[in-house]
PDB file of all heavy atoms in Angstrom:
ATOM      1  N   PRO A   1     143.536 137.210 117.033  1.00  0.00           N
ATOM      2  CA  PRO A   1     144.747 137.616 117.840  1.00  0.00           C
ATOM      3  C   PRO A   1     144.548 137.886 119.280  1.00  0.00           C
ATOM      4  O   PRO A   1     143.456 138.172 119.661  1.00  0.00           O
ATOM      5  CB  PRO A   1     145.199 138.924 117.159  1.00  0.00           C
ATOM      6  CG  PRO A   1     144.008 139.440 116.629  1.00  0.00           C
ATOM      7  CD  PRO A   1     143.086 138.304 116.155  1.00  0.00           C
ATOM      8  N   ALA A   2     145.579 137.728 120.064  1.00  0.00           N
ATOM      9  CA  ALA A   2     145.698 138.279 121.479  1.00  0.00           C
ATOM     10  C   ALA A   2     146.589 139.418 121.287  1.00  0.00           C
ATOM     11  O   ALA A   2     147.846 139.372 120.935  1.00  0.00           O
ATOM     12  CB  ALA A   2     146.166 137.238 122.369  1.00  0.00           C
ATOM     13  N   VAL A   3     146.097 140.572 121.758  1.00  0.00           N
ATOM     14  CA  VAL A   3     146.776 141.864 121.658  1.00  0.00           C
ATOM     15  C   VAL A   3     147.080 142.438 122.990  1.00  0.00           C
ATOM     16  O   VAL A   3     146.157 142.281 123.918  1.00  0.00           O
ATOM     17  CB  VAL A   3     145.979 142.921 120.863  1.00  0.00           C
ATOM     18  CG1 VAL A   3     146.708 144.214 120.563  1.00  0.00           C
ATOM     19  CG2 VAL A   3     145.588 142.293 119.405  1.00  0.00           C
ATOM     20  N   LEU A   4     148.229 143.015 123.220  1.00  0.00           N
ATOM     21  CA  LEU A   4     148.572 143.553 124.500  1.00  0.00           C
ATOM     22  C   LEU A   4     148.846 145.107 124.299  1.00  0.00           C
ATOM     23  O   LEU A   4     149.464 145.531 123.431  1.00  0.00           O
ATOM     24  CB  LEU A   4     149.880 142.920 125.102  1.00  0.00           C
ATOM     25  CG  LEU A   4     150.304 143.359 126.457  1.00  0.00           C
ATOM     26  CD1 LEU A   4     150.643 142.066 127.274  1.00  0.00           C
ATOM     27  CD2 LEU A   4     151.456 144.233 126.382  1.00  0.00           C
ATOM     28  N   ILE A   5     148.417 145.764 125.370  1.00  0.00           N
ATOM     29  CA  ILE A   5     148.652 147.245 125.486  1.00  0.00           C
ATOM     30  C   ILE A   5     149.352 147.455 126.861  1.00  0.00           C
ATOM     31  O   ILE A   5     148.868 147.107 127.783  1.00  0.00           O
ATOM     32  CB  ILE A   5     147.318 148.089 125.453  1.00  0.00           C
ATOM     33  CG1 ILE A   5     146.786 148.098 124.047  1.00  0.00           C
ATOM     34  CG2 ILE A   5     147.715 149.510 125.676  1.00  0.00           C
ATOM     35  CD1 ILE A   5     145.523 148.809 123.850  1.00  0.00           C
ATOM     36  N   THR A   6     150.475 148.185 126.623  1.00  0.00           N
ATOM     37  CA  THR A   6     151.254 148.481 127.881  1.00  0.00           C
ATOM     38  C   THR A   6     151.700 149.998 127.839  1.00  0.00           C
ATOM     39  O   THR A   6     151.705 150.639 126.627  1.00  0.00           O
ATOM     40  CB  THR A   6     152.435 147.607 128.279  1.00  0.00           C
ATOM     41  OG1 THR A   6     152.888 147.863 129.526  1.00  0.00           O
ATOM     42  CG2 THR A   6     153.572 147.658 127.255  1.00  0.00           C
ATOM     43  N   GLY A   7     152.141 150.546 128.830  1.00  0.00           N
ATOM     44  CA  GLY A   7     152.746 151.970 128.755  1.00  0.00           C
ATOM     45  C   GLY A   7     154.281 151.732 128.526  1.00  0.00           C
ATOM     46  O   GLY A   7     154.937 150.974 129.167  1.00  0.00           O
ATOM     47  N   ALA A   8     154.816 152.679 127.796  1.00  0.00           N
ATOM     48  CA  ALA A   8     156.283 152.731 127.576  1.00  0.00           C
ATOM     49  C   ALA A   8     157.110 153.474 128.484  1.00  0.00           C
ATOM     50  O   ALA A   8     158.319 153.393 128.483  1.00  0.00           O
ATOM     51  CB  ALA A   8     156.570 153.262 126.067  1.00  0.00           C
ATOM     52  N   GLN A   9     156.445 154.364 129.418  1.00  0.00           N
ATOM     53  CA  GLN A   9     157.164 155.212 130.226  1.00  0.00           C
ATOM     54  C   GLN A   9     156.802 154.734 131.660  1.00  0.00           C
ATOM     55  O   GLN A   9     157.034 153.624 132.022  1.00  0.00           O
ATOM     56  CB  GLN A   9     156.699 156.678 129.872  1.00  0.00           C
ATOM     57  CG  GLN A   9     157.180 157.022 128.416  1.00  0.00           C
ATOM     58  CD  GLN A   9     156.412 158.146 127.824  1.00  0.00           C
ATOM     59  OE1 GLN A   9     155.252 158.331 128.160  1.00  0.00           O
ATOM     60  NE2 GLN A   9     157.033 159.012 127.067  1.00  0.00           N
ATOM     61  N   TRP A  10     156.387 155.842 132.488  1.00  0.00           N
ATOM     62  CA  TRP A  10     156.207 155.576 133.915  1.00  0.00           C
ATOM     63  C   TRP A  10     154.607 155.512 134.150  1.00  0.00           C
ATOM     64  O   TRP A  10     154.275 155.725 135.232  1.00  0.00           O
ATOM     65  CB  TRP A  10     156.888 156.515 134.722  1.00  0.00           C
ATOM     66  CG  TRP A  10     158.271 156.303 134.992  1.00  0.00           C
ATOM     67  CD1 TRP A  10     158.927 155.392 135.778  1.00  0.00           C
ATOM     68  CD2 TRP A  10     159.438 156.883 134.380  1.00  0.00           C
ATOM     69  NE1 TRP A  10     160.315 155.493 135.755  1.00  0.00           N
ATOM     70  CE2 TRP A  10     160.638 156.341 134.909  1.00  0.00           C
ATOM     71  CE3 TRP A  10     159.594 157.988 133.333  1.00  0.00           C
ATOM     72  CZ2 TRP A  10     161.937 156.832 134.497  1.00  0.00           C
ATOM     73  CZ3 TRP A  10     160.799 158.406 133.079  1.00  0.00           C
ATOM     74  CH2 TRP A  10     161.949 157.777 133.610  1.00  0.00           C
ATOM     75  N   GLY A  11     153.834 155.257 133.249  1.00  0.00           N
ATOM     76  CA  GLY A  11     152.421 155.184 133.414  1.00  0.00           C
ATOM     77  C   GLY A  11     151.764 156.548 132.993  1.00  0.00           C
ATOM     78  O   GLY A  11     152.365 157.525 132.656  1.00  0.00           O
ATOM     79  N   ASP A  12     150.399 156.571 133.046  1.00  0.00           N
ATOM     80  CA  ASP A  12     149.718 157.775 132.599  1.00  0.00           C
ATOM     81  C   ASP A  12     149.790 158.116 131.171  1.00  0.00           C
ATOM     82  O   ASP A  12     149.548 159.243 130.840  1.00  0.00           O
ATOM     83  CB  ASP A  12     149.944 158.946 133.590  1.00  0.00           C
ATOM     84  CG  ASP A  12     149.846 158.564 134.986  1.00  0.00           C
ATOM     85  OD1 ASP A  12     148.797 158.101 135.406  1.00  0.00           O
ATOM     86  OD2 ASP A  12     150.795 158.808 135.750  1.00  0.00           O
ATOM     87  N   GLU A  13     150.224 157.130 130.277  1.00  0.00           N
ATOM     88  CA  GLU A  13     150.413 157.473 128.919  1.00  0.00           C
ATOM     89  C   GLU A  13     149.122 157.571 128.149  1.00  0.00           C
ATOM     90  O   GLU A  13     149.052 158.130 127.005  1.00  0.00           O
ATOM     91  CB  GLU A  13     151.359 156.388 128.250  1.00  0.00           C
ATOM     92  CG  GLU A  13     152.697 156.241 128.913  1.00  0.00           C
ATOM     93  CD  GLU A  13     152.699 155.189 129.883  1.00  0.00           C
ATOM     94  OE1 GLU A  13     151.632 154.693 130.302  1.00  0.00           O
ATOM     95  OE2 GLU A  13     153.812 154.827 130.300  1.00  0.00           O
ATOM     96  N   GLY A  14     148.120 156.939 128.623  1.00  0.00           N
ATOM     97  CA  GLY A  14     146.845 156.973 127.865  1.00  0.00           C
ATOM     98  C   GLY A  14     146.458 155.575 127.365  1.00  0.00           C
ATOM     99  O   GLY A  14     145.887 155.373 126.361  1.00  0.00           O
ATOM    100  N   LYS A  15     146.727 154.453 128.218  1.00  0.00           N
ATOM    101  CA  LYS A  15     146.469 153.039 127.799  1.00  0.00           C
ATOM    102  C   LYS A  15     144.933 152.830 127.691  1.00  0.00           C
ATOM    103  O   LYS A  15     144.637 152.165 126.753  1.00  0.00           O
ATOM    104  CB  LYS A  15     146.996 152.144 128.850  1.00  0.00           C
ATOM    105  CG  LYS A  15     148.465 152.180 128.917  1.00  0.00           C
ATOM    106  CD  LYS A  15     149.148 151.182 129.771  1.00  0.00           C
ATOM    107  CE  LYS A  15     148.850 151.556 131.271  1.00  0.00           C
ATOM    108  NZ  LYS A  15     149.437 152.781 131.752  1.00  0.00           N
ATOM    109  N   GLY A  16     144.154 153.384 128.534  1.00  0.00           N
ATOM    110  CA  GLY A  16     142.718 153.225 128.359  1.00  0.00           C
ATOM    111  C   GLY A  16     142.243 153.792 127.040  1.00  0.00           C
ATOM    112  O   GLY A  16     141.305 153.233 126.453  1.00  0.00           O
ATOM    113  N   ARG A  17     142.823 155.005 126.697  1.00  0.00           N
ATOM    114  CA  ARG A  17     142.370 155.575 125.423  1.00  0.00           C
ATOM    115  C   ARG A  17     142.842 154.639 124.305  1.00  0.00           C
ATOM    116  O   ARG A  17     142.084 154.469 123.256  1.00  0.00           O
ATOM    117  CB  ARG A  17     143.284 156.803 125.325  1.00  0.00           C
ATOM    118  CG  ARG A  17     143.149 157.454 123.932  1.00  0.00           C
ATOM    119  CD  ARG A  17     141.871 158.175 123.740  1.00  0.00           C
ATOM    120  NE  ARG A  17     141.801 158.758 122.406  1.00  0.00           N
ATOM    121  CZ  ARG A  17     142.216 159.986 122.006  1.00  0.00           C
ATOM    122  NH1 ARG A  17     142.900 160.532 122.935  1.00  0.00           N
ATOM    123  NH2 ARG A  17     142.171 160.307 120.853  1.00  0.00           N
ATOM    124  N   ALA A  18     143.978 154.006 124.246  1.00  0.00           N
ATOM    125  CA  ALA A  18     144.373 152.964 123.269  1.00  0.00           C
ATOM    126  C   ALA A  18     143.376 151.864 123.145  1.00  0.00           C
ATOM    127  O   ALA A  18     143.094 151.418 122.140  1.00  0.00           O
ATOM    128  CB  ALA A  18     145.720 152.552 123.361  1.00  0.00           C
ATOM    129  N   THR A  19     143.024 151.347 124.356  1.00  0.00           N
ATOM    130  CA  THR A  19     142.111 150.235 124.502  1.00  0.00           C
ATOM    131  C   THR A  19     140.871 150.631 123.758  1.00  0.00           C
ATOM    132  O   THR A  19     140.198 149.912 122.950  1.00  0.00           O
ATOM    133  CB  THR A  19     141.871 149.875 125.880  1.00  0.00           C
ATOM    134  OG1 THR A  19     142.969 149.552 126.493  1.00  0.00           O
ATOM    135  CG2 THR A  19     140.985 148.720 126.048  1.00  0.00           C
ATOM    136  N   ASP A  20     140.355 151.857 124.108  1.00  0.00           N
ATOM    137  CA  ASP A  20     139.200 152.364 123.535  1.00  0.00           C
ATOM    138  C   ASP A  20     139.192 152.391 122.040  1.00  0.00           C
ATOM    139  O   ASP A  20     138.242 152.392 121.372  1.00  0.00           O
ATOM    140  CB  ASP A  20     138.761 153.668 124.138  1.00  0.00           C
ATOM    141  CG  ASP A  20     137.458 154.227 123.957  1.00  0.00           C
ATOM    142  OD1 ASP A  20     136.503 153.554 124.198  1.00  0.00           O
ATOM    143  OD2 ASP A  20     137.285 155.394 123.411  1.00  0.00           O
ATOM    144  N   LEU A  21     140.428 152.760 121.557  1.00  0.00           N
ATOM    145  CA  LEU A  21     140.545 152.927 120.166  1.00  0.00           C
ATOM    146  C   LEU A  21     140.206 151.768 119.373  1.00  0.00           C
ATOM    147  O   LEU A  21     139.672 151.738 118.136  1.00  0.00           O
ATOM    148  CB  LEU A  21     142.059 153.330 119.897  1.00  0.00           C
ATOM    149  CG  LEU A  21     142.461 153.710 118.396  1.00  0.00           C
ATOM    150  CD1 LEU A  21     141.636 154.994 118.032  1.00  0.00           C
ATOM    151  CD2 LEU A  21     143.937 154.004 118.337  1.00  0.00           C
ATOM    152  N   LEU A  22     140.469 150.550 119.929  1.00  0.00           N
ATOM    153  CA  LEU A  22     140.192 149.252 119.201  1.00  0.00           C
ATOM    154  C   LEU A  22     138.676 148.964 119.395  1.00  0.00           C
ATOM    155  O   LEU A  22     138.205 148.255 118.572  1.00  0.00           O
ATOM    156  CB  LEU A  22     141.049 148.166 119.913  1.00  0.00           C
ATOM    157  CG  LEU A  22     142.497 148.369 119.777  1.00  0.00           C
ATOM    158  CD1 LEU A  22     143.210 147.353 120.648  1.00  0.00           C
ATOM    159  CD2 LEU A  22     142.952 148.098 118.390  1.00  0.00           C
ATOM    160  N   GLY A  23     138.043 149.553 120.379  1.00  0.00           N
ATOM    161  CA  GLY A  23     136.503 149.553 120.460  1.00  0.00           C
ATOM    162  C   GLY A  23     135.913 148.171 120.173  1.00  0.00           C
ATOM    163  O   GLY A  23     136.194 147.133 120.712  1.00  0.00           O
ATOM    164  N   SER A  24     134.953 148.162 119.293  1.00  0.00           N
ATOM    165  CA  SER A  24     134.105 146.938 119.030  1.00  0.00           C
ATOM    166  C   SER A  24     134.789 145.743 118.423  1.00  0.00           C
ATOM    167  O   SER A  24     134.198 144.629 118.275  1.00  0.00           O
ATOM    168  CB  SER A  24     132.925 147.329 118.132  1.00  0.00           C
ATOM    169  OG  SER A  24     133.311 147.852 116.973  1.00  0.00           O
ATOM    170  N   ARG A  25     136.127 145.946 117.980  1.00  0.00           N
ATOM    171  CA  ARG A  25     136.869 144.913 117.412  1.00  0.00           C
ATOM    172  C   ARG A  25     137.307 143.964 118.405  1.00  0.00           C
ATOM    173  O   ARG A  25     138.030 142.923 117.957  1.00  0.00           O
ATOM    174  CB  ARG A  25     137.895 145.484 116.419  1.00  0.00           C
ATOM    175  CG  ARG A  25     137.514 146.380 115.416  1.00  0.00           C
ATOM    176  CD  ARG A  25     138.580 147.221 114.715  1.00  0.00           C
ATOM    177  NE  ARG A  25     139.306 146.270 113.888  1.00  0.00           N
ATOM    178  CZ  ARG A  25     140.518 146.639 113.338  1.00  0.00           C
ATOM    179  NH1 ARG A  25     141.010 147.828 113.708  1.00  0.00           N
ATOM    180  NH2 ARG A  25     141.251 145.673 112.635  1.00  0.00           N
ATOM    181  N   VAL A  26     137.161 144.162 119.624  1.00  0.00           N
ATOM    182  CA  VAL A  26     137.740 143.381 120.742  1.00  0.00           C
ATOM    183  C   VAL A  26     136.611 142.766 121.471  1.00  0.00           C
ATOM    184  O   VAL A  26     135.591 143.221 121.673  1.00  0.00           O
ATOM    185  CB  VAL A  26     138.541 144.224 121.645  1.00  0.00           C
ATOM    186  CG1 VAL A  26     138.955 143.405 122.950  1.00  0.00           C
ATOM    187  CG2 VAL A  26     139.818 144.790 120.971  1.00  0.00           C
ATOM    188  N   ASP A  27     136.815 141.344 121.729  1.00  0.00           N
ATOM    189  CA  ASP A  27     135.849 140.724 122.496  1.00  0.00           C
ATOM    190  C   ASP A  27     135.937 140.590 123.909  1.00  0.00           C
ATOM    191  O   ASP A  27     134.919 140.536 124.725  1.00  0.00           O
ATOM    192  CB  ASP A  27     135.744 139.230 121.879  1.00  0.00           C
ATOM    193  CG  ASP A  27     135.328 139.249 120.254  1.00  0.00           C
ATOM    194  OD1 ASP A  27     134.229 139.693 119.905  1.00  0.00           O
ATOM    195  OD2 ASP A  27     136.322 138.772 119.530  1.00  0.00           O
ATOM    196  N   TYR A  28     137.253 140.565 124.413  1.00  0.00           N
ATOM    197  CA  TYR A  28     137.587 140.470 125.843  1.00  0.00           C
ATOM    198  C   TYR A  28     138.720 141.480 126.055  1.00  0.00           C
ATOM    199  O   TYR A  28     139.593 141.668 125.268  1.00  0.00           O
ATOM    200  CB  TYR A  28     138.130 139.029 126.217  1.00  0.00           C
ATOM    201  CG  TYR A  28     137.122 137.906 126.062  1.00  0.00           C
ATOM    202  CD1 TYR A  28     136.682 137.380 124.856  1.00  0.00           C
ATOM    203  CD2 TYR A  28     136.538 137.406 127.174  1.00  0.00           C
ATOM    204  CE1 TYR A  28     135.720 136.461 124.776  1.00  0.00           C
ATOM    205  CE2 TYR A  28     135.563 136.435 127.150  1.00  0.00           C
ATOM    206  CZ  TYR A  28     135.121 135.904 125.949  1.00  0.00           C
ATOM    207  OH  TYR A  28     134.278 134.931 125.906  1.00  0.00           O
ATOM    208  N   VAL A  29     138.638 142.133 127.222  1.00  0.00           N
ATOM    209  CA  VAL A  29     139.642 143.102 127.755  1.00  0.00           C
ATOM    210  C   VAL A  29     140.005 142.529 129.042  1.00  0.00           C
ATOM    211  O   VAL A  29     139.245 142.404 130.079  1.00  0.00           O
ATOM    212  CB  VAL A  29     139.218 144.522 127.679  1.00  0.00           C
ATOM    213  CG1 VAL A  29     140.215 145.374 128.387  1.00  0.00           C
ATOM    214  CG2 VAL A  29     138.791 145.115 126.413  1.00  0.00           C
ATOM    215  N   VAL A  30     141.451 142.254 129.201  1.00  0.00           N
ATOM    216  CA  VAL A  30     141.859 141.621 130.413  1.00  0.00           C
ATOM    217  C   VAL A  30     142.850 142.528 131.160  1.00  0.00           C
ATOM    218  O   VAL A  30     143.852 142.897 130.529  1.00  0.00           O
ATOM    219  CB  VAL A  30     142.632 140.284 130.022  1.00  0.00           C
ATOM    220  CG1 VAL A  30     143.111 139.545 131.196  1.00  0.00           C
ATOM    221  CG2 VAL A  30     141.673 139.439 129.131  1.00  0.00           C
TER     222      VAL A  30
END
């Protein structure tokens, strides 16, 4: 899959944290 993470509000929601949650299961972060 190609998976997308975005913020639902005005930013600062913790997107980096969500990215980190996927950890080693991801090959590329764009």
